Amino acid sequence: RDQVLLRYRSAYDAESLVQVVDEAPWVSRIAHRHEVEIGGFA
């Protein structure tokens, strides 16, 4: 899982409209926002 997280953070840390989060994101929290949230990583 740490290797997976590293890959996603390396890919998107410089991208203002992509947020890598630890837990699986909820659709209700992204409504009216301009970013993508990517997480979970099971």
ModelCIF file with pLDDT and N, C-alpha, C, O atoms, coordinates in Angstrom:
data_MODEL
#
_entry.id   MODEL 
#
_entity.id                         1 
_entity.type                       polymer 
_entity.pdbx_number_of_molecules   1 
#
_entity_poly.entity_id                      1 
_entity_poly.type                           'polypeptide(L)' 
_entity_poly.nstd_linkage                   no 
_entity_poly.nstd_monomer                   no 
_entity_poly.pdbx_seq_one_letter_code       RDQVLLRYRSAYDAESLVQVVDEAPWVSRIAHRHEVEIGGFA 
_entity_poly.pdbx_seq_one_letter_code_can   RDQVLLRYRSAYDAESLVQVVDEAPWVSRIAHRHEVEIGGFA 
_entity_poly.pdbx_strand_id                 A 
#
loop_
_entity_poly_seq.entity_id 
_entity_poly_seq.num 
_entity_poly_seq.mon_id 
_entity_poly_seq.hetero 
1 1  ARG n 
1 2  ASP n 
1 3  GLN n 
1 4  VAL n 
1 5  LEU n 
1 6  LEU n 
1 7  ARG n 
1 8  TYR n 
1 9  ARG n 
1 10 SER n 
1 11 ALA n 
1 12 TYR n 
1 13 ASP n 
1 14 ALA n 
1 15 GLU n 
1 16 SER n 
1 17 LEU n 
1 18 VAL n 
1 19 GLN n 
1 20 VAL n 
1 21 VAL n 
1 22 ASP n 
1 23 GLU n 
1 24 ALA n 
1 25 PRO n 
1 26 TRP n 
1 27 VAL n 
1 28 SER n 
1 29 ARG n 
1 30 ILE n 
1 31 ALA n 
1 32 HIS n 
1 33 ARG n 
1 34 HIS n 
1 35 GLU n 
1 36 VAL n 
1 37 GLU n 
1 38 ILE n 
1 39 GLY n 
1 40 GLY n 
1 41 PHE n 
1 42 ALA n 
#
_struct_asym.id          A 
_struct_asym.entity_id   1 
#
loop_
_ma_qa_metric.id 
_ma_qa_metric.mode 
_ma_qa_metric.name 
_ma_qa_metric.software_group_id 
_ma_qa_metric.type 
1 global pLDDT . pLDDT 
2 local  pLDDT . pLDDT 
#
_ma_qa_metric_global.metric_id      1 
_ma_qa_metric_global.metric_value   97.14 
_ma_qa_metric_global.model_id       1 
_ma_qa_metric_global.ordinal_id     1 
#
loop_
_ma_qa_metric_local.label_asym_id 
_ma_qa_metric_local.label_comp_id 
_ma_qa_metric_local.label_seq_id 
_ma_qa_metric_local.metric_id 
_ma_qa_metric_local.metric_value 
_ma_qa_metric_local.model_id 
_ma_qa_metric_local.ordinal_id 
A ARG 1  2 98.00 1 1  
A ASP 2  2 98.00 1 2  
A GLN 3  2 98.00 1 3  
A VAL 4  2 98.00 1 4  
A LEU 5  2 98.00 1 5  
A LEU 6  2 98.00 1 6  
A ARG 7  2 98.00 1 7  
A TYR 8  2 98.00 1 8  
A ARG 9  2 98.00 1 9  
A SER 10 2 98.00 1 10 
A ALA 11 2 98.00 1 11 
A TYR 12 2 98.00 1 12 
A ASP 13 2 96.00 1 13 
A ALA 14 2 96.00 1 14 
A GLU 15 2 97.00 1 15 
A SER 16 2 96.00 1 16 
A LEU 17 2 97.00 1 17 
A VAL 18 2 98.00 1 18 
A GLN 19 2 97.00 1 19 
A VAL 20 2 98.00 1 20 
A VAL 21 2 97.00 1 21 
A ASP 22 2 96.00 1 22 
A GLU 23 2 97.00 1 23 
A ALA 24 2 97.00 1 24 
A PRO 25 2 98.00 1 25 
A TRP 26 2 96.00 1 26 
A VAL 27 2 95.00 1 27 
A SER 28 2 94.00 1 28 
A ARG 29 2 95.00 1 29 
A ILE 30 2 96.00 1 30 
A ALA 31 2 95.00 1 31 
A HIS 32 2 96.00 1 32 
A ARG 33 2 97.00 1 33 
A HIS 34 2 97.00 1 34 
A GLU 35 2 97.00 1 35 
A VAL 36 2 98.00 1 36 
A GLU 37 2 98.00 1 37 
A ILE 38 2 98.00 1 38 
A GLY 39 2 98.00 1 39 
A GLY 40 2 98.00 1 40 
A PHE 41 2 98.00 1 41 
A ALA 42 2 98.00 1 42 
#
loop_
_atom_site.group_PDB 
_atom_site.id 
_atom_site.type_symbol 
_atom_site.label_atom_id 
_atom_site.label_alt_id 
_atom_site.label_comp_id 
_atom_site.label_asym_id 
_atom_site.label_entity_id 
_atom_site.label_seq_id 
_atom_site.pdbx_PDB_ins_code 
_atom_site.Cartn_x 
_atom_site.Cartn_y 
_atom_site.Cartn_z 
_atom_site.occupancy 
_atom_site.B_iso_or_equiv 
_atom_site.pdbx_formal_charge 
_atom_site.auth_seq_id 
_atom_site.auth_comp_id 
_atom_site.auth_asym_id 
_atom_site.auth_atom_id 
_atom_site.pdbx_PDB_model_num 
ATOM 1   N N  . ARG A 1 1  ? 0.835   -1.210 0.000   1.00 98.00 ? 1  ARG A N  1 
ATOM 2   C CA . ARG A 1 1  ? 0.000   0.000  0.000   1.00 98.00 ? 1  ARG A CA 1 
ATOM 3   C C  . ARG A 1 1  ? 0.866   1.254  0.000   1.00 98.00 ? 1  ARG A C  1 
ATOM 4   O O  . ARG A 1 1  ? 0.527   2.234  -0.663  1.00 98.00 ? 1  ARG A O  1 
ATOM 5   N N  . ASP A 1 2  ? 1.968   1.239  0.727   1.00 98.00 ? 2  ASP A N  1 
ATOM 6   C CA . ASP A 1 2  ? 2.860   2.409  0.739   1.00 98.00 ? 2  ASP A CA 1 
ATOM 7   C C  . ASP A 1 2  ? 3.421   2.692  -0.653  1.00 98.00 ? 2  ASP A C  1 
ATOM 8   O O  . ASP A 1 2  ? 3.564   3.848  -1.051  1.00 98.00 ? 2  ASP A O  1 
ATOM 9   N N  . GLN A 1 3  ? 3.733   1.632  -1.381  1.00 98.00 ? 3  GLN A N  1 
ATOM 10  C CA . GLN A 1 3  ? 4.236   1.816  -2.747  1.00 98.00 ? 3  GLN A CA 1 
ATOM 11  C C  . GLN A 1 3  ? 3.163   2.375  -3.668  1.00 98.00 ? 3  GLN A C  1 
ATOM 12  O O  . GLN A 1 3  ? 3.442   3.203  -4.535  1.00 98.00 ? 3  GLN A O  1 
ATOM 13  N N  . VAL A 1 4  ? 1.935   1.915  -3.472  1.00 98.00 ? 4  VAL A N  1 
ATOM 14  C CA . VAL A 1 4  ? 0.823   2.452  -4.266  1.00 98.00 ? 4  VAL A CA 1 
ATOM 15  C C  . VAL A 1 4  ? 0.647   3.943  -3.981  1.00 98.00 ? 4  VAL A C  1 
ATOM 16  O O  . VAL A 1 4  ? 0.557   4.754  -4.904  1.00 98.00 ? 4  VAL A O  1 
ATOM 17  N N  . LEU A 1 5  ? 0.598   4.296  -2.695  1.00 98.00 ? 5  LEU A N  1 
ATOM 18  C CA . LEU A 1 5  ? 0.443   5.707  -2.319  1.00 98.00 ? 5  LEU A CA 1 
ATOM 19  C C  . LEU A 1 5  ? 1.553   6.568  -2.903  1.00 98.00 ? 5  LEU A C  1 
ATOM 20  O O  . LEU A 1 5  ? 1.304   7.679  -3.372  1.00 98.00 ? 5  LEU A O  1 
ATOM 21  N N  . LEU A 1 6  ? 2.774   6.055  -2.872  1.00 98.00 ? 6  LEU A N  1 
ATOM 22  C CA . LEU A 1 6  ? 3.906   6.808  -3.406  1.00 98.00 ? 6  LEU A CA 1 
ATOM 23  C C  . LEU A 1 6  ? 3.722   7.084  -4.893  1.00 98.00 ? 6  LEU A C  1 
ATOM 24  O O  . LEU A 1 6  ? 4.023   8.178  -5.371  1.00 98.00 ? 6  LEU A O  1 
ATOM 25  N N  . ARG A 1 7  ? 3.230   6.096  -5.615  1.00 98.00 ? 7  ARG A N  1 
ATOM 26  C CA . ARG A 1 7  ? 3.015   6.280  -7.055  1.00 98.00 ? 7  ARG A CA 1 
ATOM 27  C C  . ARG A 1 7  ? 1.966   7.367  -7.327  1.00 98.00 ? 7  ARG A C  1 
ATOM 28  O O  . ARG A 1 7  ? 2.165   8.218  -8.194  1.00 98.00 ? 7  ARG A O  1 
ATOM 29  N N  . TYR A 1 8  ? 0.869   7.339  -6.598  1.00 98.00 ? 8  TYR A N  1 
ATOM 30  C CA . TYR A 1 8  ? -0.182  8.311  -6.832  1.00 98.00 ? 8  TYR A CA 1 
ATOM 31  C C  . TYR A 1 8  ? 0.238   9.707  -6.383  1.00 98.00 ? 8  TYR A C  1 
ATOM 32  O O  . TYR A 1 8  ? -0.057  10.695 -7.055  1.00 98.00 ? 8  TYR A O  1 
ATOM 33  N N  . ARG A 1 9  ? 0.914   9.785  -5.270  1.00 98.00 ? 9  ARG A N  1 
ATOM 34  C CA . ARG A 1 9  ? 1.368   11.106 -4.811  1.00 98.00 ? 9  ARG A CA 1 
ATOM 35  C C  . ARG A 1 9  ? 2.437   11.678 -5.732  1.00 98.00 ? 9  ARG A C  1 
ATOM 36  O O  . ARG A 1 9  ? 2.455   12.882 -5.992  1.00 98.00 ? 9  ARG A O  1 
ATOM 37  N N  . SER A 1 10 ? 3.315   10.832 -6.219  1.00 98.00 ? 10 SER A N  1 
ATOM 38  C CA . SER A 1 10 ? 4.329   11.308 -7.167  1.00 98.00 ? 10 SER A CA 1 
ATOM 39  C C  . SER A 1 10 ? 3.684   11.794 -8.460  1.00 98.00 ? 10 SER A C  1 
ATOM 40  O O  . SER A 1 10 ? 4.138   12.764 -9.067  1.00 98.00 ? 10 SER A O  1 
ATOM 41  N N  . ALA A 1 11 ? 2.624   11.110 -8.874  1.00 98.00 ? 11 ALA A N  1 
ATOM 42  C CA . ALA A 1 11 ? 1.952   11.488 -10.116 1.00 98.00 ? 11 ALA A CA 1 
ATOM 43  C C  . ALA A 1 11 ? 1.182   12.794 -9.986  1.00 98.00 ? 11 ALA A C  1 
ATOM 44  O O  . ALA A 1 11 ? 1.117   13.567 -10.941 1.00 98.00 ? 11 ALA A O  1 
ATOM 45  N N  . TYR A 1 12 ? 0.594   13.056 -8.810  1.00 98.00 ? 12 TYR A N  1 
ATOM 46  C CA . TYR A 1 12 ? -0.389  14.127 -8.716  1.00 98.00 ? 12 TYR A CA 1 
ATOM 47  C C  . TYR A 1 12 ? -0.090  15.210 -7.690  1.00 98.00 ? 12 TYR A C  1 
ATOM 48  O O  . TYR A 1 12 ? -0.870  16.156 -7.580  1.00 98.00 ? 12 TYR A O  1 
ATOM 49  N N  . ASP A 1 13 ? 0.995   15.119 -6.936  1.00 96.00 ? 13 ASP A N  1 
ATOM 50  C CA . ASP A 1 13 ? 1.259   16.138 -5.922  1.00 96.00 ? 13 ASP A CA 1 
ATOM 51  C C  . ASP A 1 13 ? 1.379   17.538 -6.514  1.00 96.00 ? 13 ASP A C  1 
ATOM 52  O O  . ASP A 1 13 ? 1.064   18.519 -5.841  1.00 96.00 ? 13 ASP A O  1 
ATOM 53  N N  . ALA A 1 14 ? 1.826   17.643 -7.747  1.00 96.00 ? 14 ALA A N  1 
ATOM 54  C CA . ALA A 1 14 ? 1.981   18.951 -8.375  1.00 96.00 ? 14 ALA A CA 1 
ATOM 55  C C  . ALA A 1 14 ? 0.719   19.415 -9.098  1.00 96.00 ? 14 ALA A C  1 
ATOM 56  O O  . ALA A 1 14 ? 0.706   20.495 -9.689  1.00 96.00 ? 14 ALA A O  1 
ATOM 57  N N  . GLU A 1 15 ? -0.328  18.618 -9.055  1.00 97.00 ? 15 GLU A N  1 
ATOM 58  C CA . GLU A 1 15 ? -1.560  18.934 -9.780  1.00 97.00 ? 15 GLU A CA 1 
ATOM 59  C C  . GLU A 1 15 ? -2.592  19.540 -8.820  1.00 97.00 ? 15 GLU A C  1 
ATOM 60  O O  . GLU A 1 15 ? -3.066  18.870 -7.903  1.00 97.00 ? 15 GLU A O  1 
ATOM 61  N N  . SER A 1 16 ? -2.927  20.793 -9.041  1.00 96.00 ? 16 SER A N  1 
ATOM 62  C CA . SER A 1 16 ? -3.824  21.502 -8.124  1.00 96.00 ? 16 SER A CA 1 
ATOM 63  C C  . SER A 1 16 ? -5.242  20.952 -8.121  1.00 96.00 ? 16 SER A C  1 
ATOM 64  O O  . SER A 1 16 ? -5.960  21.108 -7.134  1.00 96.00 ? 16 SER A O  1 
ATOM 65  N N  . LEU A 1 17 ? -5.659  20.305 -9.217  1.00 97.00 ? 17 LEU A N  1 
ATOM 66  C CA . LEU A 1 17 ? -7.026  19.810 -9.295  1.00 97.00 ? 17 LEU A CA 1 
ATOM 67  C C  . LEU A 1 17 ? -7.134  18.311 -9.066  1.00 97.00 ? 17 LEU A C  1 
ATOM 68  O O  . LEU A 1 17 ? -8.172  17.714 -9.355  1.00 97.00 ? 17 LEU A O  1 
ATOM 69  N N  . VAL A 1 18 ? -6.078  17.697 -8.552  1.00 98.00 ? 18 VAL A N  1 
ATOM 70  C CA . VAL A 1 18 ? -6.140  16.284 -8.148  1.00 98.00 ? 18 VAL A CA 1 
ATOM 71  C C  . VAL A 1 18 ? -5.629  16.185 -6.720  1.00 98.00 ? 18 VAL A C  1 
ATOM 72  O O  . VAL A 1 18 ? -4.500  16.580 -6.431  1.00 98.00 ? 18 VAL A O  1 
ATOM 73  N N  . GLN A 1 19 ? -6.446  15.665 -5.837  1.00 97.00 ? 19 GLN A N  1 
ATOM 74  C CA . GLN A 1 19 ? -6.064  15.503 -4.439  1.00 97.00 ? 19 GLN A CA 1 
ATOM 75  C C  . GLN A 1 19 ? -6.024  14.014 -4.095  1.00 97.00 ? 19 GLN A C  1 
ATOM 76  O O  . GLN A 1 19 ? -7.027  13.311 -4.218  1.00 97.00 ? 19 GLN A O  1 
ATOM 77  N N  . VAL A 1 20 ? -4.878  13.555 -3.671  1.00 98.00 ? 20 VAL A N  1 
ATOM 78  C CA . VAL A 1 20 ? -4.717  12.171 -3.237  1.00 98.00 ? 20 VAL A CA 1 
ATOM 79  C C  . VAL A 1 20 ? -4.973  12.125 -1.735  1.00 98.00 ? 20 VAL A C  1 
ATOM 80  O O  . VAL A 1 20 ? -4.292  12.795 -0.959  1.00 98.00 ? 20 VAL A O  1 
ATOM 81  N N  . VAL A 1 21 ? -5.958  11.329 -1.335  1.00 97.00 ? 21 VAL A N  1 
ATOM 82  C CA . VAL A 1 21 ? -6.352  11.246 0.067   1.00 97.00 ? 21 VAL A CA 1 
ATOM 83  C C  . VAL A 1 21 ? -6.186  9.810  0.540   1.00 97.00 ? 21 VAL A C  1 
ATOM 84  O O  . VAL A 1 21 ? -6.175  8.886  -0.274  1.00 97.00 ? 21 VAL A O  1 
ATOM 85  N N  . ASP A 1 22 ? -6.058  9.615  1.827   1.00 96.00 ? 22 ASP A N  1 
ATOM 86  C CA . ASP A 1 22 ? -5.790  8.282  2.353   1.00 96.00 ? 22 ASP A CA 1 
ATOM 87  C C  . ASP A 1 22 ? -7.038  7.408  2.322   1.00 96.00 ? 22 ASP A C  1 
ATOM 88  O O  . ASP A 1 22 ? -7.003  6.290  1.807   1.00 96.00 ? 22 ASP A O  1 
ATOM 89  N N  . GLU A 1 23 ? -8.135  7.910  2.869   1.00 97.00 ? 23 GLU A N  1 
ATOM 90  C CA . GLU A 1 23 ? -9.373  7.136  2.920   1.00 97.00 ? 23 GLU A CA 1 
ATOM 91  C C  . GLU A 1 23 ? -10.102 7.205  1.576   1.00 97.00 ? 23 GLU A C  1 
ATOM 92  O O  . GLU A 1 23 ? -9.824  8.081  0.757   1.00 97.00 ? 23 GLU A O  1 
ATOM 93  N N  . ALA A 1 24 ? -11.021 6.292  1.357   1.00 97.00 ? 24 ALA A N  1 
ATOM 94  C CA . ALA A 1 24 ? -11.833 6.339  0.145   1.00 97.00 ? 24 ALA A CA 1 
ATOM 95  C C  . ALA A 1 24 ? -12.697 7.594  0.169   1.00 97.00 ? 24 ALA A C  1 
ATOM 96  O O  . ALA A 1 24 ? -13.415 7.817  1.144   1.00 97.00 ? 24 ALA A O  1 
ATOM 97  N N  . PRO A 1 25 ? -12.649 8.418  -0.872  1.00 98.00 ? 25 PRO A N  1 
ATOM 98  C CA . PRO A 1 25 ? -13.416 9.667  -0.869  1.00 98.00 ? 25 PRO A CA 1 
ATOM 99  C C  . PRO A 1 25 ? -14.911 9.424  -1.028  1.00 98.00 ? 25 PRO A C  1 
ATOM 100 O O  . PRO A 1 25 ? -15.337 8.410  -1.582  1.00 98.00 ? 25 PRO A O  1 
ATOM 101 N N  . TRP A 1 26 ? -15.699 10.378 -0.530  1.00 96.00 ? 26 TRP A N  1 
ATOM 102 C CA . TRP A 1 26 ? -17.156 10.318 -0.616  1.00 96.00 ? 26 TRP A CA 1 
ATOM 103 C C  . TRP A 1 26 ? -17.642 11.272 -1.692  1.00 96.00 ? 26 TRP A C  1 
ATOM 104 O O  . TRP A 1 26 ? -17.130 12.384 -1.824  1.00 96.00 ? 26 TRP A O  1 
ATOM 105 N N  . VAL A 1 27 ? -18.619 10.841 -2.448  1.00 95.00 ? 27 VAL A N  1 
ATOM 106 C CA . VAL A 1 27 ? -19.136 11.692 -3.514  1.00 95.00 ? 27 VAL A CA 1 
ATOM 107 C C  . VAL A 1 27 ? -19.803 12.950 -2.954  1.00 95.00 ? 27 VAL A C  1 
ATOM 108 O O  . VAL A 1 27 ? -19.763 13.999 -3.598  1.00 95.00 ? 27 VAL A O  1 
ATOM 109 N N  . SER A 1 28 ? -20.407 12.870 -1.785  1.00 94.00 ? 28 SER A N  1 
ATOM 110 C CA . SER A 1 28 ? -21.079 14.036 -1.205  1.00 94.00 ? 28 SER A CA 1 
ATOM 111 C C  . SER A 1 28 ? -20.102 15.150 -0.861  1.00 94.00 ? 28 SER A C  1 
ATOM 112 O O  . SER A 1 28 ? -20.493 16.313 -0.768  1.00 94.00 ? 28 SER A O  1 
ATOM 113 N N  . ARG A 1 29 ? -18.832 14.801 -0.672  1.00 95.00 ? 29 ARG A N  1 
ATOM 114 C CA . ARG A 1 29 ? -17.845 15.809 -0.303  1.00 95.00 ? 29 ARG A CA 1 
ATOM 115 C C  . ARG A 1 29 ? -17.199 16.477 -1.517  1.00 95.00 ? 29 ARG A C  1 
ATOM 116 O O  . ARG A 1 29 ? -16.464 17.453 -1.366  1.00 95.00 ? 29 ARG A O  1 
ATOM 117 N N  . ILE A 1 30 ? -17.464 15.965 -2.706  1.00 96.00 ? 30 ILE A N  1 
ATOM 118 C CA . ILE A 1 30 ? -16.858 16.540 -3.903  1.00 96.00 ? 30 ILE A CA 1 
ATOM 119 C C  . ILE A 1 30 ? -17.840 17.434 -4.648  1.00 96.00 ? 30 ILE A C  1 
ATOM 120 O O  . ILE A 1 30 ? -17.430 18.195 -5.524  1.00 96.00 ? 30 ILE A O  1 
ATOM 121 N N  . ALA A 1 31 ? -19.119 17.360 -4.323  1.00 95.00 ? 31 ALA A N  1 
ATOM 122 C CA . ALA A 1 31 ? -20.117 18.190 -5.006  1.00 95.00 ? 31 ALA A CA 1 
ATOM 123 C C  . ALA A 1 31 ? -19.777 19.665 -4.852  1.00 95.00 ? 31 ALA A C  1 
ATOM 124 O O  . ALA A 1 31 ? -19.432 20.117 -3.760  1.00 95.00 ? 31 ALA A O  1 
ATOM 125 N N  . HIS A 1 32 ? -19.874 20.421 -5.952  1.00 96.00 ? 32 HIS A N  1 
ATOM 126 C CA . HIS A 1 32 ? -19.582 21.853 -6.024  1.00 96.00 ? 32 HIS A CA 1 
ATOM 127 C C  . HIS A 1 32 ? -18.097 22.172 -5.910  1.00 96.00 ? 32 HIS A C  1 
ATOM 128 O O  . HIS A 1 32 ? -17.729 23.338 -5.762  1.00 96.00 ? 32 HIS A O  1 
ATOM 129 N N  . ARG A 1 33 ? -17.251 21.173 -5.977  1.00 97.00 ? 33 ARG A N  1 
ATOM 130 C CA . ARG A 1 33 ? -15.801 21.417 -5.935  1.00 97.00 ? 33 ARG A CA 1 
ATOM 131 C C  . ARG A 1 33 ? -15.180 21.091 -7.286  1.00 97.00 ? 33 ARG A C  1 
ATOM 132 O O  . ARG A 1 33 ? -15.715 20.300 -8.062  1.00 97.00 ? 33 ARG A O  1 
ATOM 133 N N  . HIS A 1 34 ? -14.048 21.715 -7.545  1.00 97.00 ? 34 HIS A N  1 
ATOM 134 C CA . HIS A 1 34 ? -13.406 21.611 -8.853  1.00 97.00 ? 34 HIS A CA 1 
ATOM 135 C C  . HIS A 1 34 ? -12.323 20.534 -8.910  1.00 97.00 ? 34 HIS A C  1 
ATOM 136 O O  . HIS A 1 34 ? -11.776 20.261 -9.979  1.00 97.00 ? 34 HIS A O  1 
ATOM 137 N N  . GLU A 1 35 ? -12.015 19.928 -7.780  1.00 97.00 ? 35 GLU A N  1 
ATOM 138 C CA . GLU A 1 35 ? -10.950 18.933 -7.749  1.00 97.00 ? 35 GLU A CA 1 
ATOM 139 C C  . GLU A 1 35 ? -11.475 17.515 -7.943  1.00 97.00 ? 35 GLU A C  1 
ATOM 140 O O  . GLU A 1 35 ? -12.660 17.239 -7.760  1.00 97.00 ? 35 GLU A O  1 
ATOM 141 N N  . VAL A 1 36 ? -10.567 16.632 -8.317  1.00 98.00 ? 36 VAL A N  1 
ATOM 142 C CA . VAL A 1 36 ? -10.781 15.189 -8.231  1.00 98.00 ? 36 VAL A CA 1 
ATOM 143 C C  . VAL A 1 36 ? -10.170 14.715 -6.922  1.00 98.00 ? 36 VAL A C  1 
ATOM 144 O O  . VAL A 1 36 ? -9.084  15.165 -6.558  1.00 98.00 ? 36 VAL A O  1 
ATOM 145 N N  . GLU A 1 37 ? -10.833 13.828 -6.212  1.00 98.00 ? 37 GLU A N  1 
ATOM 146 C CA . GLU A 1 37 ? -10.220 13.160 -5.066  1.00 98.00 ? 37 GLU A CA 1 
ATOM 147 C C  . GLU A 1 37 ? -10.005 11.691 -5.403  1.00 98.00 ? 37 GLU A C  1 
ATOM 148 O O  . GLU A 1 37 ? -10.905 11.021 -5.911  1.00 98.00 ? 37 GLU A O  1 
ATOM 149 N N  . ILE A 1 38 ? -8.808  11.199 -5.117  1.00 98.00 ? 38 ILE A N  1 
ATOM 150 C CA . ILE A 1 38 ? -8.475  9.794  -5.359  1.00 98.00 ? 38 ILE A CA 1 
ATOM 151 C C  . ILE A 1 38 ? -7.945  9.212  -4.059  1.00 98.00 ? 38 ILE A C  1 
ATOM 152 O O  . ILE A 1 38 ? -7.043  9.785  -3.448  1.00 98.00 ? 38 ILE A O  1 
ATOM 153 N N  . GLY A 1 39 ? -8.491  8.085  -3.632  1.00 98.00 ? 39 GLY A N  1 
ATOM 154 C CA . GLY A 1 39 ? -8.051  7.505  -2.369  1.00 98.00 ? 39 GLY A CA 1 
ATOM 155 C C  . GLY A 1 39 ? -8.531  6.084  -2.200  1.00 98.00 ? 39 GLY A C  1 
ATOM 156 O O  . GLY A 1 39 ? -8.866  5.396  -3.164  1.00 98.00 ? 39 GLY A O  1 
ATOM 157 N N  . GLY A 1 40 ? -8.556  5.659  -0.944  1.00 98.00 ? 40 GLY A N  1 
ATOM 158 C CA . GLY A 1 40 ? -8.921  4.283  -0.619  1.00 98.00 ? 40 GLY A CA 1 
ATOM 159 C C  . GLY A 1 40 ? -7.698  3.383  -0.603  1.00 98.00 ? 40 GLY A C  1 
ATOM 160 O O  . GLY A 1 40 ? -7.227  2.993  0.466   1.00 98.00 ? 40 GLY A O  1 
ATOM 161 N N  . PHE A 1 41 ? -7.182  3.051  -1.775  1.00 98.00 ? 41 PHE A N  1 
ATOM 162 C CA . PHE A 1 41 ? -5.948  2.288  -1.948  1.00 98.00 ? 41 PHE A CA 1 
ATOM 163 C C  . PHE A 1 41 ? -5.922  1.019  -1.090  1.00 98.00 ? 41 PHE A C  1 
ATOM 164 O O  . PHE A 1 41 ? -5.018  0.817  -0.279  1.00 98.00 ? 41 PHE A O  1 
ATOM 165 N N  . ALA A 1 42 ? -6.924  0.180  -1.287  1.00 98.00 ? 42 ALA A N  1 
ATOM 166 C CA . ALA A 1 42 ? -6.955  -1.118 -0.621  1.00 98.00 ? 42 ALA A CA 1 
ATOM 167 C C  . ALA A 1 42 ? -6.105  -2.103 -1.427  1.00 98.00 ? 42 ALA A C  1 
ATOM 168 O O  . ALA A 1 42 ? -5.986  -3.269 -1.050  1.00 98.00 ? 42 ALA A O  1 
#
